Amino acid sequence: NVKRAILEQNGQLTLIEFGGENIKYPIIVDGQANFDVLELIDRDENWLEQQINLQGYNQIKEIYLGEYLSGELKLYGYTK
């Protein structure tokens, strides 16, 4: 019943079952984009950079954590 399996950067395996809702996808961790997650949600690096700029940041490396949840990108910066 596994819909998707994600191997996280820290080695943890995240399993998403069919019917699971509101899953958080870590798109940015410690200033580094996770391109596997971008592909998974059918987005690209240009989209990510636009979202970062719209939320008042200049670069990906300014972001401590970026999570994609229910169609929205939540960003947590180092200094904001």
PDB file of N, CA and C in Angstrom:
ATOM      1  N   ASN A   1       0.801  -1.198   0.000  1.00  0.00           N
ATOM      2  CA  ASN A   1       0.000   0.000   0.000  1.00  0.00           C
ATOM      3  C   ASN A   1       0.846   1.266   0.000  1.00  0.00           C
ATOM      4  N   VAL A   2       2.106   1.169  -0.372  1.00  0.00           N
ATOM      5  CA  VAL A   2       2.995   2.324  -0.386  1.00  0.00           C
ATOM      6  C   VAL A   2       2.795   3.112  -1.679  1.00  0.00           C
ATOM      7  N   LYS A   3       2.457   4.383  -1.508  1.00  0.00           N
ATOM      8  CA  LYS A   3       2.270   5.277  -2.652  1.00  0.00           C
ATOM      9  C   LYS A   3       3.612   5.836  -3.111  1.00  0.00           C
ATOM     10  N   ARG A   4       4.458   6.187  -2.133  1.00  0.00           N
ATOM     11  CA  ARG A   4       5.738   6.807  -2.457  1.00  0.00           C
ATOM     12  C   ARG A   4       6.718   6.540  -1.329  1.00  0.00           C
ATOM     13  N   ALA A   5       7.978   6.352  -1.666  1.00  0.00           N
ATOM     14  CA  ALA A   5       9.036   6.195  -0.673  1.00  0.00           C
ATOM     15  C   ALA A   5      10.121   7.220  -0.982  1.00  0.00           C
ATOM     16  N   ILE A   6      10.571   7.926   0.056  1.00  0.00           N
ATOM     17  CA  ILE A   6      11.572   8.977  -0.115  1.00  0.00           C
ATOM     18  C   ILE A   6      12.734   8.687   0.814  1.00  0.00           C
ATOM     19  N   LEU A   7      13.930   8.614   0.260  1.00  0.00           N
ATOM     20  CA  LEU A   7      15.137   8.475   1.065  1.00  0.00           C
ATOM     21  C   LEU A   7      15.641   9.882   1.371  1.00  0.00           C
ATOM     22  N   GLU A   8      15.536  10.278   2.633  1.00  0.00           N
ATOM     23  CA  GLU A   8      15.915  11.626   3.050  1.00  0.00           C
ATOM     24  C   GLU A   8      17.430  11.770   3.059  1.00  0.00           C
ATOM     25  N   GLN A   9      17.904  13.024   3.091  1.00  0.00           N
ATOM     26  CA  GLN A   9      19.338  13.295   3.086  1.00  0.00           C
ATOM     27  C   GLN A   9      20.042  12.726   4.309  1.00  0.00           C
ATOM     28  N   ASN A  10      19.323  12.583   5.416  1.00  0.00           N
ATOM     29  CA  ASN A  10      19.938  12.050   6.626  1.00  0.00           C
ATOM     30  C   ASN A  10      19.893  10.525   6.685  1.00  0.00           C
ATOM     31  N   GLY A  11      19.418   9.893   5.609  1.00  0.00           N
ATOM     32  CA  GLY A  11      19.359   8.446   5.541  1.00  0.00           C
ATOM     33  C   GLY A  11      18.034   7.845   5.988  1.00  0.00           C
ATOM     34  N   GLN A  12      17.146   8.678   6.498  1.00  0.00           N
ATOM     35  CA  GLN A  12      15.832   8.209   6.944  1.00  0.00           C
ATOM     36  C   GLN A  12      14.952   7.911   5.736  1.00  0.00           C
ATOM     37  N   LEU A  13      14.169   6.860   5.836  1.00  0.00           N
ATOM     38  CA  LEU A  13      13.243   6.489   4.773  1.00  0.00           C
ATOM     39  C   LEU A  13      11.842   6.928   5.169  1.00  0.00           C
ATOM     40  N   THR A  14      11.213   7.758   4.326  1.00  0.00           N
ATOM     41  CA  THR A  14       9.855   8.216   4.565  1.00  0.00           C
ATOM     42  C   THR A  14       8.930   7.478   3.622  1.00  0.00           C
ATOM     43  N   LEU A  15       7.922   6.806   4.182  1.00  0.00           N
ATOM     44  CA  LEU A  15       6.948   6.074   3.387  1.00  0.00           C
ATOM     45  C   LEU A  15       5.615   6.797   3.427  1.00  0.00           C
ATOM     46  N   ILE A  16       4.993   6.930   2.266  1.00  0.00           N
ATOM     47  CA  ILE A  16       3.689   7.558   2.165  1.00  0.00           C
ATOM     48  C   ILE A  16       2.731   6.521   1.623  1.00  0.00           C
ATOM     49  N   GLU A  17       1.696   6.262   2.378  1.00  0.00           N
ATOM     50  CA  GLU A  17       0.723   5.265   1.971  1.00  0.00           C
ATOM     51  C   GLU A  17      -0.391   5.922   1.167  1.00  0.00           C
ATOM     52  N   PHE A  18      -1.068   5.146   0.353  1.00  0.00           N
ATOM     53  CA  PHE A  18      -2.219   5.648  -0.371  1.00  0.00           C
ATOM     54  C   PHE A  18      -3.237   6.142   0.637  1.00  0.00           C
ATOM     55  N   GLY A  19      -3.850   7.285   0.351  1.00  0.00           N
ATOM     56  CA  GLY A  19      -4.836   7.861   1.254  1.00  0.00           C
ATOM     57  C   GLY A  19      -4.228   8.795   2.278  1.00  0.00           C
ATOM     58  N   GLY A  20      -2.897   8.831   2.367  1.00  0.00           N
ATOM     59  CA  GLY A  20      -2.240   9.745   3.293  1.00  0.00           C
ATOM     60  C   GLY A  20      -2.355  11.167   2.768  1.00  0.00           C
ATOM     61  N   GLU A  21      -2.777  12.078   3.600  1.00  0.00           N
ATOM     62  CA  GLU A  21      -2.963  13.471   3.203  1.00  0.00           C
ATOM     63  C   GLU A  21      -2.003  14.362   3.971  1.00  0.00           C
ATOM     64  N   ASN A  22      -1.802  15.577   3.455  1.00  0.00           N
ATOM     65  CA  ASN A  22      -1.012  16.608   4.114  1.00  0.00           C
ATOM     66  C   ASN A  22       0.396  16.159   4.462  1.00  0.00           C
ATOM     67  N   ILE A  23       1.061  15.557   3.509  1.00  0.00           N
ATOM     68  CA  ILE A  23       2.439  15.124   3.700  1.00  0.00           C
ATOM     69  C   ILE A  23       3.369  16.313   3.459  1.00  0.00           C
ATOM     70  N   LYS A  24       4.336  16.500   4.338  1.00  0.00           N
ATOM     71  CA  LYS A  24       5.331  17.556   4.169  1.00  0.00           C
ATOM     72  C   LYS A  24       6.497  17.010   3.371  1.00  0.00           C
ATOM     73  N   TYR A  25       6.881  17.733   2.343  1.00  0.00           N
ATOM     74  CA  TYR A  25       8.032  17.368   1.530  1.00  0.00           C
ATOM     75  C   TYR A  25       9.137  18.387   1.782  1.00  0.00           C
ATOM     76  N   PRO A  26      10.304  17.962   2.256  1.00  0.00           N
ATOM     77  CA  PRO A  26      11.401  18.907   2.488  1.00  0.00           C
ATOM     78  C   PRO A  26      12.096  19.264   1.175  1.00  0.00           C
ATOM     79  N   ILE A  27      11.783  20.445   0.663  1.00  0.00           N
ATOM     80  CA  ILE A  27      12.368  20.883  -0.605  1.00  0.00           C
ATOM     81  C   ILE A  27      13.726  21.522  -0.388  1.00  0.00           C
ATOM     82  N   ILE A  28      13.886  22.230   0.737  1.00  0.00           N
ATOM     83  CA  ILE A  28      15.165  22.863   1.061  1.00  0.00           C
ATOM     84  C   ILE A  28      15.557  22.435   2.474  1.00  0.00           C
ATOM     85  N   VAL A  29      16.784  21.984   2.622  1.00  0.00           N
ATOM     86  CA  VAL A  29      17.330  21.630   3.928  1.00  0.00           C
ATOM     87  C   VAL A  29      18.731  22.217   4.012  1.00  0.00           C
ATOM     88  N   ASP A  30      18.962  23.037   5.032  1.00  0.00           N
ATOM     89  CA  ASP A  30      20.271  23.670   5.249  1.00  0.00           C
ATOM     90  C   ASP A  30      20.790  24.390   4.004  1.00  0.00           C
ATOM     91  N   GLY A  31      19.916  25.131   3.350  1.00  0.00           N
ATOM     92  CA  GLY A  31      20.333  25.937   2.196  1.00  0.00           C
ATOM     93  C   GLY A  31      20.567  25.162   0.916  1.00  0.00           C
ATOM     94  N   GLN A  32      20.202  23.893   0.885  1.00  0.00           N
ATOM     95  CA  GLN A  32      20.395  23.056  -0.296  1.00  0.00           C
ATOM     96  C   GLN A  32      19.047  22.563  -0.816  1.00  0.00           C
ATOM     97  N   ALA A  33      18.807  22.726  -2.114  1.00  0.00           N
ATOM     98  CA  ALA A  33      17.562  22.265  -2.720  1.00  0.00           C
ATOM     99  C   ALA A  33      17.587  20.751  -2.886  1.00  0.00           C
ATOM    100  N   ASN A  34      16.447  20.129  -2.663  1.00  0.00           N
ATOM    101  CA  ASN A  34      16.284  18.695  -2.855  1.00  0.00           C
ATOM    102  C   ASN A  34      15.574  18.498  -4.202  1.00  0.00           C
ATOM    103  N   PHE A  35      16.341  18.232  -5.236  1.00  0.00           N
ATOM    104  CA  PHE A  35      15.806  18.154  -6.592  1.00  0.00           C
ATOM    105  C   PHE A  35      14.907  16.937  -6.798  1.00  0.00           C
ATOM    106  N   ASP A  36      15.111  15.887  -6.019  1.00  0.00           N
ATOM    107  CA  ASP A  36      14.229  14.722  -6.103  1.00  0.00           C
ATOM    108  C   ASP A  36      12.813  15.088  -5.680  1.00  0.00           C
ATOM    109  N   VAL A  37      12.699  15.903  -4.638  1.00  0.00           N
ATOM    110  CA  VAL A  37      11.374  16.327  -4.179  1.00  0.00           C
ATOM    111  C   VAL A  37      10.745  17.270  -5.194  1.00  0.00           C
ATOM    112  N   LEU A  38      11.534  18.168  -5.765  1.00  0.00           N
ATOM    113  CA  LEU A  38      11.000  19.057  -6.808  1.00  0.00           C
ATOM    114  C   LEU A  38      10.412  18.247  -7.962  1.00  0.00           C
ATOM    115  N   GLU A  39      11.118  17.230  -8.370  1.00  0.00           N
ATOM    116  CA  GLU A  39      10.619  16.366  -9.441  1.00  0.00           C
ATOM    117  C   GLU A  39       9.346  15.643  -9.002  1.00  0.00           C
ATOM    118  N   LEU A  40       9.326  15.220  -7.771  1.00  0.00           N
ATOM    119  CA  LEU A  40       8.189  14.495  -7.218  1.00  0.00           C
ATOM    120  C   LEU A  40       6.909  15.340  -7.236  1.00  0.00           C
ATOM    121  N   ILE A  41       7.034  16.642  -6.971  1.00  0.00           N
ATOM    122  CA  ILE A  41       5.864  17.518  -6.962  1.00  0.00           C
ATOM    123  C   ILE A  41       5.678  18.229  -8.299  1.00  0.00           C
ATOM    124  N   ASP A  42       6.435  17.807  -9.303  1.00  0.00           N
ATOM    125  CA  ASP A  42       6.328  18.328 -10.663  1.00  0.00           C
ATOM    126  C   ASP A  42       6.627  19.825 -10.756  1.00  0.00           C
ATOM    127  N   ARG A  43       7.707  20.235 -10.089  1.00  0.00           N
ATOM    128  CA  ARG A  43       8.187  21.625 -10.130  1.00  0.00           C
ATOM    129  C   ARG A  43       9.656  21.609 -10.524  1.00  0.00           C
ATOM    130  N   ASP A  44      10.192  22.798 -10.842  1.00  0.00           N
ATOM    131  CA  ASP A  44      11.602  22.876 -11.216  1.00  0.00           C
ATOM    132  C   ASP A  44      12.309  23.953 -10.395  1.00  0.00           C
ATOM    133  N   GLU A  45      13.601  24.108 -10.648  1.00  0.00           N
ATOM    134  CA  GLU A  45      14.411  25.054  -9.890  1.00  0.00           C
ATOM    135  C   GLU A  45      13.959  26.498 -10.124  1.00  0.00           C
ATOM    136  N   ASN A  46      13.508  26.816 -11.330  1.00  0.00           N
ATOM    137  CA  ASN A  46      13.013  28.168 -11.611  1.00  0.00           C
ATOM    138  C   ASN A  46      11.803  28.498 -10.738  1.00  0.00           C
ATOM    139  N   TRP A  47      10.882  27.554 -10.604  1.00  0.00           N
ATOM    140  CA  TRP A  47       9.719  27.745  -9.746  1.00  0.00           C
ATOM    141  C   TRP A  47      10.160  27.991  -8.309  1.00  0.00           C
ATOM    142  N   LEU A  48      11.116  27.207  -7.843  1.00  0.00           N
ATOM    143  CA  LEU A  48      11.606  27.337  -6.476  1.00  0.00           C
ATOM    144  C   LEU A  48      12.225  28.713  -6.251  1.00  0.00           C
ATOM    145  N   GLU A  49      13.031  29.172  -7.176  1.00  0.00           N
ATOM    146  CA  GLU A  49      13.663  30.488  -7.049  1.00  0.00           C
ATOM    147  C   GLU A  49      12.614  31.596  -7.043  1.00  0.00           C
ATOM    148  N   GLN A  50      11.574  31.477  -7.851  1.00  0.00           N
ATOM    149  CA  GLN A  50      10.492  32.466  -7.856  1.00  0.00           C
ATOM    150  C   GLN A  50       9.784  32.494  -6.502  1.00  0.00           C
ATOM    151  N   GLN A  51       9.502  31.323  -5.952  1.00  0.00           N
ATOM    152  CA  GLN A  51       8.833  31.249  -4.659  1.00  0.00           C
ATOM    153  C   GLN A  51       9.687  31.867  -3.554  1.00  0.00           C
ATOM    154  N   ILE A  52      10.977  31.631  -3.615  1.00  0.00           N
ATOM    155  CA  ILE A  52      11.900  32.198  -2.628  1.00  0.00           C
ATOM    156  C   ILE A  52      11.879  33.722  -2.705  1.00  0.00           C
ATOM    157  N   ASN A  53      11.941  34.257  -3.919  1.00  0.00           N
ATOM    158  CA  ASN A  53      11.910  35.706  -4.104  1.00  0.00           C
ATOM    159  C   ASN A  53      10.584  36.314  -3.659  1.00  0.00           C
ATOM    160  N   LEU A  54       9.480  35.636  -3.955  1.00  0.00           N
ATOM    161  CA  LEU A  54       8.159  36.135  -3.554  1.00  0.00           C
ATOM    162  C   LEU A  54       8.016  36.216  -2.029  1.00  0.00           C
ATOM    163  N   GLN A  55       8.731  35.364  -1.328  1.00  0.00           N
ATOM    164  CA  GLN A  55       8.643  35.353   0.130  1.00  0.00           C
ATOM    165  C   GLN A  55       9.732  36.184   0.798  1.00  0.00           C
ATOM    166  N   GLY A  56      10.436  37.003  -0.004  1.00  0.00           N
ATOM    167  CA  GLY A  56      11.377  37.970   0.544  1.00  0.00           C
ATOM    168  C   GLY A  56      12.809  37.515   0.713  1.00  0.00           C
ATOM    169  N   TYR A  57      13.160  36.396   0.157  1.00  0.00           N
ATOM    170  CA  TYR A  57      14.545  35.907   0.226  1.00  0.00           C
ATOM    171  C   TYR A  57      15.211  36.106  -1.131  1.00  0.00           C
ATOM    172  N   ASN A  58      16.543  36.147  -1.127  1.00  0.00           N
ATOM    173  CA  ASN A  58      17.294  36.346  -2.364  1.00  0.00           C
ATOM    174  C   ASN A  58      17.882  35.065  -2.933  1.00  0.00           C
ATOM    175  N   GLN A  59      18.264  34.140  -2.063  1.00  0.00           N
ATOM    176  CA  GLN A  59      18.948  32.921  -2.498  1.00  0.00           C
ATOM    177  C   GLN A  59      18.489  31.715  -1.681  1.00  0.00           C
ATOM    178  N   ILE A  60      18.642  30.546  -2.270  1.00  0.00           N
ATOM    179  CA  ILE A  60      18.280  29.302  -1.587  1.00  0.00           C
ATOM    180  C   ILE A  60      19.106  29.132  -0.313  1.00  0.00           C
ATOM    181  N   LYS A  61      20.365  29.537  -0.340  1.00  0.00           N
ATOM    182  CA  LYS A  61      21.218  29.311   0.827  1.00  0.00           C
ATOM    183  C   LYS A  61      20.827  30.155   2.038  1.00  0.00           C
ATOM    184  N   GLU A  62      19.874  31.082   1.879  1.00  0.00           N
ATOM    185  CA  GLU A  62      19.351  31.849   3.011  1.00  0.00           C
ATOM    186  C   GLU A  62      18.277  31.075   3.777  1.00  0.00           C
ATOM    187  N   ILE A  63      17.855  29.944   3.222  1.00  0.00           N
ATOM    188  CA  ILE A  63      16.740  29.180   3.780  1.00  0.00           C
ATOM    189  C   ILE A  63      17.269  28.002   4.593  1.00  0.00           C
ATOM    190  N   TYR A  64      16.830  27.920   5.837  1.00  0.00           N
ATOM    191  CA  TYR A  64      17.177  26.778   6.681  1.00  0.00           C
ATOM    192  C   TYR A  64      16.325  25.567   6.310  1.00  0.00           C
ATOM    193  N   LEU A  65      15.020  25.791   6.143  1.00  0.00           N
ATOM    194  CA  LEU A  65      14.109  24.709   5.823  1.00  0.00           C
ATOM    195  C   LEU A  65      12.999  25.231   4.918  1.00  0.00           C
ATOM    196  N   GLY A  66      12.720  24.489   3.864  1.00  0.00           N
ATOM    197  CA  GLY A  66      11.600  24.790   2.985  1.00  0.00           C
ATOM    198  C   GLY A  66      10.754  23.543   2.833  1.00  0.00           C
ATOM    199  N   GLU A  67       9.487  23.625   3.234  1.00  0.00           N
ATOM    200  CA  GLU A  67       8.595  22.464   3.180  1.00  0.00           C
ATOM    201  C   GLU A  67       7.429  22.744   2.239  1.00  0.00           C
ATOM    202  N   TYR A  68       7.061  21.747   1.484  1.00  0.00           N
ATOM    203  CA  TYR A  68       5.917  21.823   0.588  1.00  0.00           C
ATOM    204  C   TYR A  68       4.791  21.034   1.230  1.00  0.00           C
ATOM    205  N   LEU A  69       3.696  21.725   1.552  1.00  0.00           N
ATOM    206  CA  LEU A  69       2.581  21.095   2.237  1.00  0.00           C
ATOM    207  C   LEU A  69       1.266  21.600   1.662  1.00  0.00           C
ATOM    208  N   SER A  70       0.451  20.688   1.191  1.00  0.00           N
ATOM    209  CA  SER A  70      -0.879  21.019   0.649  1.00  0.00           C
ATOM    210  C   SER A  70      -0.813  22.099  -0.428  1.00  0.00           C
ATOM    211  N   GLY A  71       0.188  21.992  -1.308  1.00  0.00           N
ATOM    212  CA  GLY A  71       0.303  22.922  -2.421  1.00  0.00           C
ATOM    213  C   GLY A  71       0.962  24.245  -2.101  1.00  0.00           C
ATOM    214  N   GLU A  72       1.443  24.420  -0.873  1.00  0.00           N
ATOM    215  CA  GLU A  72       2.099  25.660  -0.478  1.00  0.00           C
ATOM    216  C   GLU A  72       3.521  25.398  -0.009  1.00  0.00           C
ATOM    217  N   LEU A  73       4.394  26.360  -0.306  1.00  0.00           N
ATOM    218  CA  LEU A  73       5.781  26.281   0.132  1.00  0.00           C
ATOM    219  C   LEU A  73       5.967  27.157   1.360  1.00  0.00           C
ATOM    220  N   LYS A  74       6.365  26.550   2.463  1.00  0.00           N
ATOM    221  CA  LYS A  74       6.648  27.271   3.710  1.00  0.00           C
ATOM    222  C   LYS A  74       8.155  27.351   3.857  1.00  0.00           C
ATOM    223  N   LEU A  75       8.670  28.572   4.014  1.00  0.00           N
ATOM    224  CA  LEU A  75      10.108  28.785   4.124  1.00  0.00           C
ATOM    225  C   LEU A  75      10.474  29.287   5.506  1.00  0.00           C
ATOM    226  N   TYR A  76      11.571  28.758   6.013  1.00  0.00           N
ATOM    227  CA  TYR A  76      12.104  29.180   7.304  1.00  0.00           C
ATOM    228  C   TYR A  76      13.566  29.554   7.087  1.00  0.00           C
ATOM    229  N   GLY A  77      13.860  30.839   7.205  1.00  0.00           N
ATOM    230  CA  GLY A  77      15.201  31.325   6.929  1.00  0.00           C
ATOM    231  C   GLY A  77      16.093  31.316   8.154  1.00  0.00           C
ATOM    232  N   TYR A  78      17.362  31.506   7.905  1.00  0.00           N
ATOM    233  CA  TYR A  78      18.327  31.569   8.987  1.00  0.00           C
ATOM    234  C   TYR A  78      18.158  32.840   9.806  1.00  0.00           C
ATOM    235  N   THR A  79      17.823  33.960   9.147  1.00  0.00           N
ATOM    236  CA  THR A  79      17.787  35.242   9.839  1.00  0.00           C
ATOM    237  C   THR A  79      16.396  35.860   9.915  1.00  0.00           C
ATOM    238  N   LYS A  80      15.395  35.282   9.287  1.00  0.00           N
ATOM    239  CA  LYS A  80      14.062  35.893   9.297  1.00  0.00           C
ATOM    240  C   LYS A  80      13.240  35.417  10.436  1.00  0.00           C
TER     241      LYS A  80
END
